[in-house]
């Protein structure tokens, strides 16, 4: 039983090492494809003369307001 426990521990360690190596490889490939895709997008924007207005529908909206604005009370005429 001790040898099977040792074997399971070795298998777990090997699996964790393989997972770490794969995670590093995935990150490297994501970085590489991101750079390639960004170059493609820049080329297409230049080719078709897209403006920020043209791309607004596909871009993430910036939300800068954190709280709703308070309405200001109007002055009463006397």
PDB file of N, CA and C in Angstrom:
ATOM      1  N   UNK A   1       0.832  -1.185   0.000  1.00  0.00           N
ATOM      2  CA  UNK A   1       0.000   0.000   0.000  1.00  0.00           C
ATOM      3  C   UNK A   1       0.878   1.251   0.000  1.00  0.00           C
ATOM      4  N   UNK A   2       2.024   1.184   0.625  1.00  0.00           N
ATOM      5  CA  UNK A   2       2.924   2.323   0.677  1.00  0.00           C
ATOM      6  C   UNK A   2       3.455   2.664  -0.713  1.00  0.00           C
ATOM      7  N   UNK A   3       3.707   1.639  -1.537  1.00  0.00           N
ATOM      8  CA  UNK A   3       4.227   1.895  -2.880  1.00  0.00           C
ATOM      9  C   UNK A   3       3.169   2.532  -3.763  1.00  0.00           C
ATOM     10  N   UNK A   4       1.901   2.145  -3.583  1.00  0.00           N
ATOM     11  CA  UNK A   4       0.847   2.763  -4.391  1.00  0.00           C
ATOM     12  C   UNK A   4       0.632   4.220  -3.974  1.00  0.00           C
ATOM     13  N   UNK A   5       0.786   4.501  -2.673  1.00  0.00           N
ATOM     14  CA  UNK A   5       0.670   5.874  -2.196  1.00  0.00           C
ATOM     15  C   UNK A   5       1.819   6.705  -2.747  1.00  0.00           C
ATOM     16  N   UNK A   6       3.001   6.120  -2.781  1.00  0.00           N
ATOM     17  CA  UNK A   6       4.167   6.812  -3.328  1.00  0.00           C
ATOM     18  C   UNK A   6       3.960   7.047  -4.818  1.00  0.00           C
ATOM     19  N   UNK A   7       3.436   6.047  -5.486  1.00  0.00           N
ATOM     20  CA  UNK A   7       3.189   6.161  -6.908  1.00  0.00           C
ATOM     21  C   UNK A   7       2.152   7.247  -7.193  1.00  0.00           C
ATOM     22  N   UNK A   8       1.103   7.313  -6.394  1.00  0.00           N
ATOM     23  CA  UNK A   8       0.079   8.341  -6.563  1.00  0.00           C
ATOM     24  C   UNK A   8       0.672   9.724  -6.308  1.00  0.00           C
ATOM     25  N   UNK A   9       1.545   9.833  -5.313  1.00  0.00           N
ATOM     26  CA  UNK A   9       2.195  11.111  -5.024  1.00  0.00           C
ATOM     27  C   UNK A   9       3.088  11.541  -6.178  1.00  0.00           C
ATOM     28  N   UNK A  10       3.809  10.564  -6.746  1.00  0.00           N
ATOM     29  CA  UNK A  10       4.666  10.876  -7.891  1.00  0.00           C
ATOM     30  C   UNK A  10       3.836  11.308  -9.096  1.00  0.00           C
ATOM     31  N   UNK A  11       2.725  10.603  -9.305  1.00  0.00           N
ATOM     32  CA  UNK A  11       1.855  10.958 -10.424  1.00  0.00           C
ATOM     33  C   UNK A  11       1.261  12.354 -10.241  1.00  0.00           C
ATOM     34  N   UNK A  12       0.873  12.679  -9.019  1.00  0.00           N
ATOM     35  CA  UNK A  12       0.322  13.995  -8.725  1.00  0.00           C
ATOM     36  C   UNK A  12       1.366  15.076  -8.978  1.00  0.00           C
ATOM     37  N   UNK A  13       2.571  14.852  -8.516  1.00  0.00           N
ATOM     38  CA  UNK A  13       3.643  15.826  -8.721  1.00  0.00           C
ATOM     39  C   UNK A  13       3.933  16.007 -10.205  1.00  0.00           C
ATOM     40  N   UNK A  14       3.951  14.926 -10.944  1.00  0.00           N
ATOM     41  CA  UNK A  14       4.203  15.001 -12.380  1.00  0.00           C
ATOM     42  C   UNK A  14       3.066  15.742 -13.088  1.00  0.00           C
ATOM     43  N   UNK A  15       1.839  15.481 -12.675  1.00  0.00           N
ATOM     44  CA  UNK A  15       0.687  16.141 -13.283  1.00  0.00           C
ATOM     45  C   UNK A  15       0.705  17.642 -12.985  1.00  0.00           C
ATOM     46  N   UNK A  16       1.062  18.016 -11.766  1.00  0.00           N
ATOM     47  CA  UNK A  16       1.137  19.433 -11.408  1.00  0.00           C
ATOM     48  C   UNK A  16       2.250  20.138 -12.186  1.00  0.00           C
ATOM     49  N   UNK A  17       3.367  19.444 -12.381  1.00  0.00           N
ATOM     50  CA  UNK A  17       4.470  20.023 -13.149  1.00  0.00           C
ATOM     51  C   UNK A  17       4.039  20.218 -14.608  1.00  0.00           C
ATOM     52  N   UNK A  18       3.356  19.227 -15.167  1.00  0.00           N
ATOM     53  CA  UNK A  18       2.886  19.326 -16.550  1.00  0.00           C
ATOM     54  C   UNK A  18       1.864  20.461 -16.683  1.00  0.00           C
ATOM     55  N   UNK A  19       1.010  20.610 -15.685  1.00  0.00           N
ATOM     56  CA  UNK A  19       0.010  21.681 -15.707  1.00  0.00           C
ATOM     57  C   UNK A  19       0.693  23.049 -15.692  1.00  0.00           C
ATOM     58  N   UNK A  20       1.720  23.206 -14.875  1.00  0.00           N
ATOM     59  CA  UNK A  20       2.439  24.475 -14.805  1.00  0.00           C
ATOM     60  C   UNK A  20       3.123  24.782 -16.131  1.00  0.00           C
ATOM     61  N   UNK A  21       3.709  23.765 -16.753  1.00  0.00           N
ATOM     62  CA  UNK A  21       4.373  23.957 -18.046  1.00  0.00           C
ATOM     63  C   UNK A  21       3.360  24.342 -19.128  1.00  0.00           C
ATOM     64  N   UNK A  22       2.211  23.682 -19.124  1.00  0.00           N
ATOM     65  CA  UNK A  22       1.172  23.996 -20.104  1.00  0.00           C
ATOM     66  C   UNK A  22       0.605  25.396 -19.889  1.00  0.00           C
ATOM     67  N   UNK A  23       0.453  25.795 -18.649  1.00  0.00           N
ATOM     68  CA  UNK A  23      -0.050  27.138 -18.353  1.00  0.00           C
ATOM     69  C   UNK A  23       0.913  28.194 -18.891  1.00  0.00           C
ATOM     70  N   UNK A  24       2.197  27.966 -18.727  1.00  0.00           N
ATOM     71  CA  UNK A  24       3.200  28.907 -19.234  1.00  0.00           C
ATOM     72  C   UNK A  24       3.162  28.949 -20.760  1.00  0.00           C
ATOM     73  N   UNK A  25       2.997  27.784 -21.398  1.00  0.00           N
ATOM     74  CA  UNK A  25       2.939  27.732 -22.856  1.00  0.00           C
ATOM     75  C   UNK A  25       1.688  28.449 -23.367  1.00  0.00           C
ATOM     76  N   UNK A  26       0.562  28.257 -22.696  1.00  0.00           N
ATOM     77  CA  UNK A  26      -0.685  28.912 -23.090  1.00  0.00           C
ATOM     78  C   UNK A  26      -0.542  30.427 -22.988  1.00  0.00           C
ATOM     79  N   UNK A  27       0.051  30.915 -21.905  1.00  0.00           N
ATOM     80  CA  UNK A  27       0.246  32.356 -21.734  1.00  0.00           C
ATOM     81  C   UNK A  27       1.121  32.931 -22.840  1.00  0.00           C
ATOM     82  N   UNK A  28       2.187  32.219 -23.196  1.00  0.00           N
ATOM     83  CA  UNK A  28       3.083  32.679 -24.256  1.00  0.00           C
ATOM     84  C   UNK A  28       2.353  32.730 -25.601  1.00  0.00           C
ATOM     85  N   UNK A  29       1.557  31.713 -25.889  1.00  0.00           N
ATOM     86  CA  UNK A  29       0.813  31.689 -27.149  1.00  0.00           C
ATOM     87  C   UNK A  29      -0.268  32.764 -27.192  1.00  0.00           C
ATOM     88  N   UNK A  30      -0.917  33.019 -26.067  1.00  0.00           N
ATOM     89  CA  UNK A  30      -1.920  34.080 -26.014  1.00  0.00           C
ATOM     90  C   UNK A  30      -1.289  35.444 -26.271  1.00  0.00           C
ATOM     91  N   UNK A  31      -0.127  35.672 -25.707  1.00  0.00           N
ATOM     92  CA  UNK A  31       0.579  36.929 -25.928  1.00  0.00           C
ATOM     93  C   UNK A  31       0.959  37.079 -27.391  1.00  0.00           C
ATOM     94  N   UNK A  32       1.465  35.999 -27.979  1.00  0.00           N
ATOM     95  CA  UNK A  32       1.879  36.039 -29.384  1.00  0.00           C
ATOM     96  C   UNK A  32       0.682  36.281 -30.303  1.00  0.00           C
ATOM     97  N   UNK A  33      -0.410  35.569 -30.098  1.00  0.00           N
ATOM     98  CA  UNK A  33      -1.574  35.751 -30.970  1.00  0.00           C
ATOM     99  C   UNK A  33      -2.216  37.109 -30.756  1.00  0.00           C
ATOM    100  N   UNK A  34      -2.144  37.637 -29.543  1.00  0.00           N
ATOM    101  CA  UNK A  34      -2.703  38.963 -29.278  1.00  0.00           C
ATOM    102  C   UNK A  34      -1.953  40.008 -30.088  1.00  0.00           C
ATOM    103  N   UNK A  35      -0.633  39.914 -30.099  1.00  0.00           N
ATOM    104  CA  UNK A  35       0.174  40.877 -30.855  1.00  0.00           C
ATOM    105  C   UNK A  35      -0.115  40.771 -32.356  1.00  0.00           C
ATOM    106  N   UNK A  36      -0.258  39.549 -32.854  1.00  0.00           N
ATOM    107  CA  UNK A  36      -0.561  39.351 -34.267  1.00  0.00           C
ATOM    108  C   UNK A  36      -1.950  39.902 -34.612  1.00  0.00           C
ATOM    109  N   UNK A  37      -2.917  39.641 -33.757  1.00  0.00           N
ATOM    110  CA  UNK A  37      -4.277  40.120 -33.992  1.00  0.00           C
ATOM    111  C   UNK A  37      -4.352  41.644 -33.922  1.00  0.00           C
ATOM    112  N   UNK A  38      -3.611  42.234 -32.995  1.00  0.00           N
ATOM    113  CA  UNK A  38      -3.590  43.684 -32.879  1.00  0.00           C
ATOM    114  C   UNK A  38      -2.993  44.314 -34.140  1.00  0.00           C
ATOM    115  N   UNK A  39      -1.962  43.710 -34.679  1.00  0.00           N
ATOM    116  CA  UNK A  39      -1.374  44.207 -35.921  1.00  0.00           C
ATOM    117  C   UNK A  39      -2.385  44.116 -37.066  1.00  0.00           C
ATOM    118  N   UNK A  40      -3.141  43.037 -37.114  1.00  0.00           N
ATOM    119  CA  UNK A  40      -4.171  42.881 -38.149  1.00  0.00           C
ATOM    120  C   UNK A  40      -5.250  43.949 -38.017  1.00  0.00           C
ATOM    121  N   UNK A  41      -5.688  44.203 -36.795  1.00  0.00           N
ATOM    122  CA  UNK A  41      -6.724  45.212 -36.558  1.00  0.00           C
ATOM    123  C   UNK A  41      -6.209  46.590 -36.953  1.00  0.00           C
ATOM    124  N   UNK A  42      -4.982  46.909 -36.581  1.00  0.00           N
ATOM    125  CA  UNK A  42      -4.415  48.208 -36.937  1.00  0.00           C
ATOM    126  C   UNK A  42      -4.337  48.360 -38.453  1.00  0.00           C
ATOM    127  N   UNK A  43      -3.954  47.301 -39.144  1.00  0.00           N
ATOM    128  CA  UNK A  43      -3.862  47.345 -40.598  1.00  0.00           C
ATOM    129  C   UNK A  43      -5.239  47.568 -41.213  1.00  0.00           C
ATOM    130  N   UNK A  44      -6.256  46.886 -40.693  1.00  0.00           N
ATOM    131  CA  UNK A  44      -7.614  47.045 -41.219  1.00  0.00           C
ATOM    132  C   UNK A  44      -8.171  48.439 -40.940  1.00  0.00           C
ATOM    133  N   UNK A  45      -7.880  48.983 -39.767  1.00  0.00           N
ATOM    134  CA  UNK A  45      -8.341  50.331 -39.441  1.00  0.00           C
ATOM    135  C   UNK A  45      -7.722  51.334 -40.405  1.00  0.00           C
ATOM    136  N   UNK A  46      -6.439  51.175 -40.688  1.00  0.00           N
ATOM    137  CA  UNK A  46      -5.762  52.072 -41.615  1.00  0.00           C
ATOM    138  C   UNK A  46      -6.294  51.903 -43.033  1.00  0.00           C
ATOM    139  N   UNK A  47      -6.488  50.670 -43.449  1.00  0.00           N
ATOM    140  CA  UNK A  47      -6.954  50.394 -44.808  1.00  0.00           C
ATOM    141  C   UNK A  47      -8.323  50.996 -45.069  1.00  0.00           C
ATOM    142  N   UNK A  48      -9.239  50.835 -44.126  1.00  0.00           N
ATOM    143  CA  UNK A  48     -10.624  51.260 -44.326  1.00  0.00           C
ATOM    144  C   UNK A  48     -10.934  52.622 -43.709  1.00  0.00           C
ATOM    145  N   UNK A  49      -9.943  53.263 -43.116  1.00  0.00           N
ATOM    146  CA  UNK A  49     -10.105  54.587 -42.484  1.00  0.00           C
ATOM    147  C   UNK A  49     -11.238  54.606 -41.466  1.00  0.00           C
ATOM    148  N   UNK A  50     -11.275  53.591 -40.618  1.00  0.00           N
ATOM    149  CA  UNK A  50     -12.274  53.555 -39.555  1.00  0.00           C
ATOM    150  C   UNK A  50     -11.969  54.639 -38.531  1.00  0.00           C
ATOM    151  N   UNK A  51     -13.016  55.233 -37.979  1.00  0.00           N
ATOM    152  CA  UNK A  51     -12.851  56.230 -36.926  1.00  0.00           C
ATOM    153  C   UNK A  51     -13.327  55.624 -35.601  1.00  0.00           C
ATOM    154  N   UNK A  52     -13.106  56.368 -34.537  1.00  0.00           N
ATOM    155  CA  UNK A  52     -13.563  55.900 -33.228  1.00  0.00           C
ATOM    156  C   UNK A  52     -15.082  55.742 -33.206  1.00  0.00           C
ATOM    157  N   UNK A  53     -15.776  56.600 -33.939  1.00  0.00           N
ATOM    158  CA  UNK A  53     -17.237  56.516 -34.009  1.00  0.00           C
ATOM    159  C   UNK A  53     -17.671  55.222 -34.691  1.00  0.00           C
ATOM    160  N   UNK A  54     -16.961  54.842 -35.740  1.00  0.00           N
ATOM    161  CA  UNK A  54     -17.275  53.601 -36.447  1.00  0.00           C
ATOM    162  C   UNK A  54     -17.084  52.382 -35.551  1.00  0.00           C
ATOM    163  N   UNK A  55     -16.099  52.451 -34.676  1.00  0.00           N
ATOM    164  CA  UNK A  55     -15.760  51.292 -33.839  1.00  0.00           C
ATOM    165  C   UNK A  55     -16.463  51.306 -32.491  1.00  0.00           C
ATOM    166  N   UNK A  56     -17.223  52.352 -32.206  1.00  0.00           N
ATOM    167  CA  UNK A  56     -17.843  52.488 -30.886  1.00  0.00           C
ATOM    168  C   UNK A  56     -18.747  51.310 -30.544  1.00  0.00           C
ATOM    169  N   UNK A  57     -19.458  50.779 -31.528  1.00  0.00           N
ATOM    170  CA  UNK A  57     -20.414  49.704 -31.245  1.00  0.00           C
ATOM    171  C   UNK A  57     -19.734  48.397 -30.855  1.00  0.00           C
ATOM    172  N   UNK A  58     -18.490  48.216 -31.217  1.00  0.00           N
ATOM    173  CA  UNK A  58     -17.794  46.972 -30.887  1.00  0.00           C
ATOM    174  C   UNK A  58     -16.798  47.139 -29.744  1.00  0.00           C
ATOM    175  N   UNK A  59     -16.608  48.377 -29.304  1.00  0.00           N
ATOM    176  CA  UNK A  59     -15.680  48.631 -28.206  1.00  0.00           C
ATOM    177  C   UNK A  59     -16.435  48.616 -26.886  1.00  0.00           C
ATOM    178  N   UNK A  60     -15.723  48.307 -25.825  1.00  0.00           N
ATOM    179  CA  UNK A  60     -16.305  48.328 -24.498  1.00  0.00           C
ATOM    180  C   UNK A  60     -16.546  49.776 -24.082  1.00  0.00           C
ATOM    181  N   UNK A  61     -17.686  50.043 -23.532  1.00  0.00           N
ATOM    182  CA  UNK A  61     -18.006  51.405 -23.116  1.00  0.00           C
ATOM    183  C   UNK A  61     -17.252  51.745 -21.841  1.00  0.00           C
ATOM    184  N   UNK A  62     -16.765  52.963 -21.781  1.00  0.00           N
ATOM    185  CA  UNK A  62     -16.079  53.422 -20.573  1.00  0.00           C
ATOM    186  C   UNK A  62     -17.124  53.959 -19.609  1.00  0.00           C
ATOM    187  N   UNK A  63     -17.065  53.511 -18.390  1.00  0.00           N
ATOM    188  CA  UNK A  63     -17.996  54.004 -17.386  1.00  0.00           C
ATOM    189  C   UNK A  63     -17.201  54.783 -16.359  1.00  0.00           C
ATOM    190  N   UNK A  64     -17.283  56.092 -16.425  1.00  0.00           N
ATOM    191  CA  UNK A  64     -16.520  56.917 -15.504  1.00  0.00           C
ATOM    192  C   UNK A  64     -17.374  57.415 -14.347  1.00  0.00           C
ATOM    193  N   UNK A  65     -18.679  57.464 -14.558  1.00  0.00           N
ATOM    194  CA  UNK A  65     -19.558  57.947 -13.502  1.00  0.00           C
ATOM    195  C   UNK A  65     -19.818  56.838 -12.502  1.00  0.00           C
ATOM    196  N   UNK A  66     -19.607  57.138 -11.230  1.00  0.00           N
ATOM    197  CA  UNK A  66     -19.826  56.133 -10.198  1.00  0.00           C
ATOM    198  C   UNK A  66     -21.174  56.303  -9.519  1.00  0.00           C
ATOM    199  N   UNK A  67     -21.629  57.537  -9.396  1.00  0.00           N
ATOM    200  CA  UNK A  67     -22.906  57.787  -8.729  1.00  0.00           C
ATOM    201  C   UNK A  67     -23.785  58.617  -9.654  1.00  0.00           C
ATOM    202  N   UNK A  68     -25.081  58.422  -9.586  1.00  0.00           N
ATOM    203  CA  UNK A  68     -25.964  59.238 -10.430  1.00  0.00           C
ATOM    204  C   UNK A  68     -25.887  60.702 -10.017  1.00  0.00           C
ATOM    205  N   UNK A  69     -26.074  61.565 -10.992  1.00  0.00           N
ATOM    206  CA  UNK A  69     -26.026  62.995 -10.703  1.00  0.00           C
ATOM    207  C   UNK A  69     -27.262  63.420  -9.926  1.00  0.00           C
ATOM    208  N   UNK A  70     -27.050  64.344  -9.023  1.00  0.00           N
ATOM    209  CA  UNK A  70     -28.170  64.879  -8.259  1.00  0.00           C
ATOM    210  C   UNK A  70     -28.783  66.015  -9.057  1.00  0.00           C
ATOM    211  N   UNK A  71     -30.082  66.069  -9.035  1.00  0.00           N
ATOM    212  CA  UNK A  71     -30.739  67.157  -9.757  1.00  0.00           C
ATOM    213  C   UNK A  71     -30.613  68.440  -8.942  1.00  0.00           C
ATOM    214  N   UNK A  72     -30.391  69.516  -9.632  1.00  0.00           N
ATOM    215  CA  UNK A  72     -30.278  70.800  -8.936  1.00  0.00           C
ATOM    216  C   UNK A  72     -31.658  71.421  -8.833  1.00  0.00           C
ATOM    217  N   UNK A  73     -31.931  72.009  -7.719  1.00  0.00           N
ATOM    218  CA  UNK A  73     -33.247  72.632  -7.547  1.00  0.00           C
ATOM    219  C   UNK A  73     -33.256  73.970  -8.271  1.00  0.00           C
ATOM    220  N   UNK A  74     -34.384  74.263  -8.884  1.00  0.00           N
ATOM    221  CA  UNK A  74     -34.515  75.520  -9.603  1.00  0.00           C
ATOM    222  C   UNK A  74     -34.868  76.638  -8.640  1.00  0.00           C
ATOM    223  N   UNK A  75     -34.397  77.797  -8.967  1.00  0.00           N
ATOM    224  CA  UNK A  75     -34.745  78.950  -8.148  1.00  0.00           C
ATOM    225  C   UNK A  75     -36.189  79.363  -8.457  1.00  0.00           C
ATOM    226  N   UNK A  76     -36.886  79.682  -7.442  1.00  0.00           N
ATOM    227  CA  UNK A  76     -38.260  80.116  -7.614  1.00  0.00           C
ATOM    228  C   UNK A  76     -38.284  81.613  -7.916  1.00  0.00           C
ATOM    229  N   UNK A  77     -39.153  81.975  -8.813  1.00  0.00           N
ATOM    230  CA  UNK A  77     -39.330  83.400  -9.097  1.00  0.00           C
ATOM    231  C   UNK A  77     -40.210  84.008  -8.026  1.00  0.00           C
ATOM    232  N   UNK A  78     -39.806  85.169  -7.572  1.00  0.00           N
ATOM    233  CA  UNK A  78     -40.561  85.835  -6.491  1.00  0.00           C
ATOM    234  C   UNK A  78     -41.449  86.910  -7.017  1.00  0.00           C
TER     235      UNK A  78
END
